[in-house]
Amino acid sequence: MPRVARPKLVRDKIPELLMRAGQRPIFHRARGDELQAFADKKILEEAREFARSAQIEDKIEELIDLLEIVYFRLQLEGISVQEAHDRMARKRRERGGFEGGVVLQSVKAL
C-alpha cells in the first residue's frame, strides 16, 4: 500500500478513487486555520511540481492544479473567482501584465 510522506491536502475524490483501487485511505477533513495552512502548502507543492515538469503536457496539468488551488485559497479568504478576475484586470490596467517579458535587472537613483 502506498504511503503518504506527510499529511497533505488532496482533491476531494481521491479517497474514493483509492478505495475503488482496493486501498484503504486514512484521512480527515480539515477546517479553518488548518485548512488554510494545508492549502498554502499545496500551492507551494503544485508550483514545485510545475517547475520540475519537463514535458509541456505535464506543465499544463500542473498549472491547472495550481490554478485550482489558488482559486480555492482565494475562496477561503472570501474572494470569488469573479472578484479575483476583476482585481486581476484592474492590476493589469494599472501596472500591465507579464506578456512583455520585462525582466528588471536593477534600479538606479536619479
N, C-alpha and C. Protein backbone atom coordinates (compact mmCIF):
# COMPACT_ATOMS: atom_id res chain seq x y z
N MET A 1 0.85 -1.19 0.00
CA MET A 1 0.00 0.00 0.00
C MET A 1 0.89 1.24 0.00
N PRO A 2 0.63 2.21 -0.89
CA PRO A 2 1.45 3.42 -0.94
C PRO A 2 1.32 4.20 0.36
N ARG A 3 2.40 4.83 0.75
CA ARG A 3 2.42 5.64 1.95
C ARG A 3 2.45 7.10 1.54
N VAL A 4 1.92 7.93 2.40
CA VAL A 4 1.98 9.37 2.21
C VAL A 4 3.13 9.85 3.09
N ALA A 5 4.07 10.56 2.50
CA ALA A 5 5.24 11.03 3.24
C ALA A 5 4.84 11.94 4.41
N ARG A 6 3.81 12.71 4.19
CA ARG A 6 3.30 13.61 5.22
C ARG A 6 1.85 13.91 4.88
N PRO A 7 1.03 14.26 5.87
CA PRO A 7 -0.35 14.62 5.54
C PRO A 7 -0.37 15.78 4.54
N LYS A 8 -1.23 15.69 3.55
CA LYS A 8 -1.32 16.77 2.58
C LYS A 8 -2.74 16.88 2.06
N LEU A 9 -3.09 18.05 1.60
CA LEU A 9 -4.39 18.31 1.00
C LEU A 9 -4.43 17.64 -0.37
N VAL A 10 -5.50 16.91 -0.63
CA VAL A 10 -5.69 16.26 -1.93
C VAL A 10 -7.09 16.62 -2.45
N ARG A 11 -7.31 16.35 -3.70
CA ARG A 11 -8.62 16.60 -4.29
C ARG A 11 -9.68 15.75 -3.58
N ASP A 12 -10.89 16.26 -3.54
CA ASP A 12 -11.98 15.67 -2.76
C ASP A 12 -12.28 14.20 -3.08
N LYS A 13 -12.10 13.80 -4.33
CA LYS A 13 -12.46 12.43 -4.72
C LYS A 13 -11.33 11.43 -4.57
N ILE A 14 -10.15 11.87 -4.12
CA ILE A 14 -9.01 10.96 -4.01
C ILE A 14 -9.29 9.78 -3.06
N PRO A 15 -9.87 10.00 -1.86
CA PRO A 15 -10.15 8.84 -1.01
C PRO A 15 -11.04 7.79 -1.70
N GLU A 16 -12.08 8.26 -2.38
CA GLU A 16 -12.98 7.35 -3.10
C GLU A 16 -12.24 6.59 -4.19
N LEU A 17 -11.40 7.28 -4.94
CA LEU A 17 -10.65 6.63 -6.02
C LEU A 17 -9.68 5.60 -5.45
N LEU A 18 -9.06 5.90 -4.32
CA LEU A 18 -8.16 4.93 -3.68
C LEU A 18 -8.93 3.69 -3.23
N MET A 19 -10.12 3.90 -2.66
CA MET A 19 -10.92 2.76 -2.21
C MET A 19 -11.32 1.89 -3.40
N ARG A 20 -11.70 2.51 -4.50
CA ARG A 20 -12.05 1.74 -5.70
C ARG A 20 -10.87 0.92 -6.20
N ALA A 21 -9.66 1.42 -5.94
CA ALA A 21 -8.45 0.73 -6.37
C ALA A 21 -8.01 -0.32 -5.35
N GLY A 22 -8.85 -0.57 -4.34
CA GLY A 22 -8.55 -1.60 -3.37
C GLY A 22 -7.64 -1.16 -2.24
N GLN A 23 -7.49 0.14 -2.05
CA GLN A 23 -6.65 0.67 -0.98
C GLN A 23 -7.53 1.26 0.12
N ARG A 24 -6.97 1.45 1.30
CA ARG A 24 -7.72 1.98 2.43
C ARG A 24 -7.10 3.30 2.88
N PRO A 25 -7.61 4.42 2.39
CA PRO A 25 -7.04 5.71 2.80
C PRO A 25 -7.46 6.08 4.22
N ILE A 26 -6.56 6.66 4.96
CA ILE A 26 -6.84 7.22 6.27
C ILE A 26 -6.77 8.73 6.08
N PHE A 27 -7.87 9.41 6.36
CA PHE A 27 -7.90 10.85 6.11
C PHE A 27 -8.85 11.53 7.09
N HIS A 28 -8.76 12.84 7.14
CA HIS A 28 -9.73 13.64 7.89
C HIS A 28 -10.02 14.89 7.06
N ARG A 29 -11.04 15.60 7.42
CA ARG A 29 -11.41 16.83 6.71
C ARG A 29 -10.97 18.03 7.54
N ALA A 30 -10.05 18.79 6.98
CA ALA A 30 -9.52 19.98 7.66
C ALA A 30 -10.53 21.12 7.57
N ARG A 31 -10.49 21.98 8.54
CA ARG A 31 -11.35 23.16 8.58
C ARG A 31 -10.54 24.34 9.10
N GLY A 32 -11.04 25.54 8.87
CA GLY A 32 -10.47 26.74 9.46
C GLY A 32 -8.99 26.95 9.18
N ASP A 33 -8.25 27.29 10.24
CA ASP A 33 -6.82 27.58 10.10
C ASP A 33 -6.04 26.40 9.55
N GLU A 34 -6.43 25.19 9.97
CA GLU A 34 -5.73 24.00 9.47
C GLU A 34 -5.89 23.88 7.96
N LEU A 35 -7.09 24.11 7.46
CA LEU A 35 -7.35 24.03 6.03
C LEU A 35 -6.55 25.09 5.28
N GLN A 36 -6.51 26.30 5.82
CA GLN A 36 -5.73 27.37 5.19
C GLN A 36 -4.26 26.99 5.11
N ALA A 37 -3.72 26.44 6.19
CA ALA A 37 -2.31 26.04 6.21
C ALA A 37 -2.03 24.94 5.19
N PHE A 38 -2.92 23.94 5.11
CA PHE A 38 -2.74 22.87 4.13
C PHE A 38 -2.86 23.42 2.70
N ALA A 39 -3.77 24.36 2.48
CA ALA A 39 -3.92 24.95 1.15
C ALA A 39 -2.67 25.74 0.77
N ASP A 40 -2.10 26.47 1.72
CA ASP A 40 -0.87 27.22 1.45
C ASP A 40 0.26 26.28 1.05
N LYS A 41 0.38 25.16 1.76
CA LYS A 41 1.41 24.17 1.42
C LYS A 41 1.16 23.56 0.05
N LYS A 42 -0.12 23.35 -0.28
CA LYS A 42 -0.47 22.76 -1.57
C LYS A 42 -0.08 23.68 -2.71
N ILE A 43 -0.24 24.99 -2.51
CA ILE A 43 0.17 25.95 -3.55
C ILE A 43 1.66 25.78 -3.84
N LEU A 44 2.47 25.70 -2.80
CA LEU A 44 3.91 25.53 -2.98
C LEU A 44 4.24 24.19 -3.63
N GLU A 45 3.54 23.13 -3.21
CA GLU A 45 3.75 21.81 -3.80
C GLU A 45 3.47 21.82 -5.30
N GLU A 46 2.35 22.41 -5.69
CA GLU A 46 1.99 22.45 -7.11
C GLU A 46 2.98 23.30 -7.91
N ALA A 47 3.45 24.40 -7.32
CA ALA A 47 4.43 25.24 -8.01
C ALA A 47 5.74 24.47 -8.21
N ARG A 48 6.16 23.71 -7.19
CA ARG A 48 7.38 22.90 -7.33
C ARG A 48 7.19 21.82 -8.40
N GLU A 49 6.02 21.18 -8.41
CA GLU A 49 5.76 20.15 -9.42
C GLU A 49 5.79 20.75 -10.82
N PHE A 50 5.26 21.95 -10.96
CA PHE A 50 5.31 22.63 -12.26
C PHE A 50 6.77 22.87 -12.66
N ALA A 51 7.56 23.40 -11.73
CA ALA A 51 8.95 23.71 -12.04
C ALA A 51 9.75 22.47 -12.41
N ARG A 52 9.43 21.32 -11.83
CA ARG A 52 10.15 20.08 -12.10
C ARG A 52 9.67 19.37 -13.37
N SER A 53 8.51 19.75 -13.88
CA SER A 53 7.96 19.07 -15.06
C SER A 53 8.79 19.38 -16.29
N ALA A 54 9.06 18.35 -17.07
CA ALA A 54 9.85 18.53 -18.28
C ALA A 54 8.98 18.61 -19.53
N GLN A 55 7.91 17.83 -19.55
CA GLN A 55 7.04 17.77 -20.73
C GLN A 55 5.99 18.88 -20.67
N ILE A 56 5.67 19.45 -21.81
CA ILE A 56 4.70 20.56 -21.87
C ILE A 56 3.34 20.13 -21.34
N GLU A 57 2.90 18.90 -21.63
CA GLU A 57 1.59 18.44 -21.16
C GLU A 57 1.59 18.35 -19.64
N ASP A 58 2.68 17.89 -19.06
CA ASP A 58 2.80 17.83 -17.60
C ASP A 58 2.78 19.24 -16.99
N LYS A 59 3.49 20.17 -17.64
CA LYS A 59 3.50 21.55 -17.16
C LYS A 59 2.09 22.14 -17.17
N ILE A 60 1.35 21.88 -18.24
CA ILE A 60 -0.03 22.38 -18.34
C ILE A 60 -0.88 21.80 -17.22
N GLU A 61 -0.78 20.50 -16.99
CA GLU A 61 -1.57 19.86 -15.92
C GLU A 61 -1.21 20.45 -14.56
N GLU A 62 0.05 20.70 -14.31
CA GLU A 62 0.46 21.29 -13.03
C GLU A 62 -0.04 22.73 -12.91
N LEU A 63 -0.02 23.49 -14.00
CA LEU A 63 -0.57 24.85 -13.95
C LEU A 63 -2.06 24.83 -13.65
N ILE A 64 -2.77 23.86 -14.21
CA ILE A 64 -4.20 23.73 -13.94
C ILE A 64 -4.43 23.41 -12.47
N ASP A 65 -3.61 22.49 -11.92
CA ASP A 65 -3.71 22.18 -10.50
C ASP A 65 -3.41 23.41 -9.65
N LEU A 66 -2.40 24.15 -10.05
CA LEU A 66 -2.04 25.36 -9.32
C LEU A 66 -3.17 26.39 -9.36
N LEU A 67 -3.76 26.57 -10.52
CA LEU A 67 -4.88 27.49 -10.65
C LEU A 67 -6.05 27.08 -9.75
N GLU A 68 -6.33 25.78 -9.73
CA GLU A 68 -7.43 25.26 -8.90
C GLU A 68 -7.19 25.55 -7.41
N ILE A 69 -5.97 25.29 -6.92
CA ILE A 69 -5.71 25.51 -5.50
C ILE A 69 -5.64 26.99 -5.18
N VAL A 70 -5.18 27.82 -6.10
CA VAL A 70 -5.16 29.27 -5.88
C VAL A 70 -6.58 29.80 -5.80
N TYR A 71 -7.45 29.37 -6.69
CA TYR A 71 -8.85 29.79 -6.62
C TYR A 71 -9.48 29.35 -5.29
N PHE A 72 -9.19 28.12 -4.86
CA PHE A 72 -9.72 27.64 -3.60
C PHE A 72 -9.20 28.47 -2.43
N ARG A 73 -7.92 28.81 -2.47
CA ARG A 73 -7.33 29.60 -1.38
C ARG A 73 -7.96 30.98 -1.33
N LEU A 74 -8.21 31.57 -2.48
CA LEU A 74 -8.91 32.85 -2.54
C LEU A 74 -10.30 32.73 -1.93
N GLN A 75 -10.98 31.63 -2.25
CA GLN A 75 -12.32 31.38 -1.70
C GLN A 75 -12.27 31.33 -0.18
N LEU A 76 -11.24 30.72 0.39
CA LEU A 76 -11.09 30.68 1.84
C LEU A 76 -10.96 32.08 2.44
N GLU A 77 -10.46 33.01 1.64
CA GLU A 77 -10.32 34.41 2.08
C GLU A 77 -11.56 35.23 1.75
N GLY A 78 -12.59 34.57 1.21
CA GLY A 78 -13.82 35.27 0.89
C GLY A 78 -13.82 35.97 -0.46
N ILE A 79 -12.88 35.60 -1.34
CA ILE A 79 -12.77 36.21 -2.66
C ILE A 79 -13.27 35.23 -3.71
N SER A 80 -14.29 35.63 -4.45
CA SER A 80 -14.83 34.77 -5.50
C SER A 80 -13.91 34.78 -6.73
N VAL A 81 -14.10 33.81 -7.60
CA VAL A 81 -13.33 33.77 -8.84
C VAL A 81 -13.57 35.05 -9.63
N GLN A 82 -14.83 35.51 -9.67
CA GLN A 82 -15.14 36.73 -10.41
C GLN A 82 -14.42 37.94 -9.81
N GLU A 83 -14.43 38.05 -8.49
CA GLU A 83 -13.73 39.17 -7.86
C GLU A 83 -12.23 39.08 -8.11
N ALA A 84 -11.69 37.88 -8.07
CA ALA A 84 -10.26 37.70 -8.36
C ALA A 84 -9.94 38.17 -9.78
N HIS A 85 -10.79 37.80 -10.73
CA HIS A 85 -10.58 38.21 -12.12
C HIS A 85 -10.72 39.73 -12.26
N ASP A 86 -11.68 40.31 -11.55
CA ASP A 86 -11.84 41.76 -11.59
C ASP A 86 -10.61 42.47 -11.06
N ARG A 87 -10.08 41.98 -9.93
CA ARG A 87 -8.88 42.58 -9.34
C ARG A 87 -7.67 42.40 -10.26
N MET A 88 -7.60 41.23 -10.89
CA MET A 88 -6.51 40.98 -11.81
C MET A 88 -6.57 41.94 -13.00
N ALA A 89 -7.77 42.17 -13.51
CA ALA A 89 -7.95 43.10 -14.63
C ALA A 89 -7.56 44.51 -14.23
N ARG A 90 -7.94 44.91 -13.01
CA ARG A 90 -7.58 46.24 -12.53
C ARG A 90 -6.05 46.39 -12.44
N LYS A 91 -5.38 45.40 -11.88
CA LYS A 91 -3.92 45.45 -11.78
C LYS A 91 -3.28 45.49 -13.17
N ARG A 92 -3.85 44.72 -14.08
CA ARG A 92 -3.33 44.70 -15.46
C ARG A 92 -3.45 46.08 -16.09
N ARG A 93 -4.60 46.74 -15.88
CA ARG A 93 -4.78 48.10 -16.43
C ARG A 93 -3.78 49.07 -15.80
N GLU A 94 -3.57 48.96 -14.50
CA GLU A 94 -2.72 49.91 -13.79
C GLU A 94 -1.22 49.62 -13.95
N ARG A 95 -0.84 48.35 -13.96
CA ARG A 95 0.58 48.01 -13.92
C ARG A 95 1.03 47.13 -15.08
N GLY A 96 0.08 46.68 -15.90
CA GLY A 96 0.41 45.81 -17.01
C GLY A 96 0.36 44.35 -16.62
N GLY A 97 0.59 43.50 -17.61
CA GLY A 97 0.63 42.06 -17.39
C GLY A 97 2.07 41.58 -17.42
N PHE A 98 2.27 40.37 -17.92
CA PHE A 98 3.61 39.81 -17.99
C PHE A 98 4.00 39.41 -19.41
N GLU A 99 3.10 39.63 -20.36
CA GLU A 99 3.33 39.20 -21.74
C GLU A 99 4.55 39.85 -22.37
N GLY A 100 4.93 41.03 -21.91
CA GLY A 100 6.07 41.73 -22.49
C GLY A 100 7.41 41.12 -22.12
N GLY A 101 7.42 40.23 -21.15
CA GLY A 101 8.66 39.57 -20.76
C GLY A 101 9.67 40.51 -20.13
N VAL A 102 9.21 41.58 -19.49
CA VAL A 102 10.11 42.56 -18.90
C VAL A 102 10.83 41.95 -17.68
N VAL A 103 12.15 41.97 -17.71
CA VAL A 103 12.97 41.47 -16.61
C VAL A 103 13.74 42.66 -16.03
N LEU A 104 13.38 43.07 -14.83
CA LEU A 104 14.04 44.20 -14.19
C LEU A 104 15.38 43.73 -13.62
N GLN A 105 16.46 44.36 -14.07
CA GLN A 105 17.79 43.94 -13.65
C GLN A 105 18.31 44.78 -12.49
N SER A 106 18.00 46.05 -12.48
CA SER A 106 18.42 46.91 -11.36
C SER A 106 17.66 48.22 -11.46
N VAL A 107 17.76 49.01 -10.41
CA VAL A 107 17.15 50.34 -10.37
C VAL A 107 18.18 51.28 -9.79
N LYS A 108 18.43 52.38 -10.48
CA LYS A 108 19.41 53.36 -10.00
C LYS A 108 18.69 54.65 -9.62
N ALA A 109 19.17 55.28 -8.60
CA ALA A 109 18.61 56.56 -8.17
C ALA A 109 18.90 57.62 -9.21
N LEU A 110 17.98 58.57 -9.34
CA LEU A 110 18.17 59.67 -10.29
C LEU A 110 18.97 60.79 -9.67
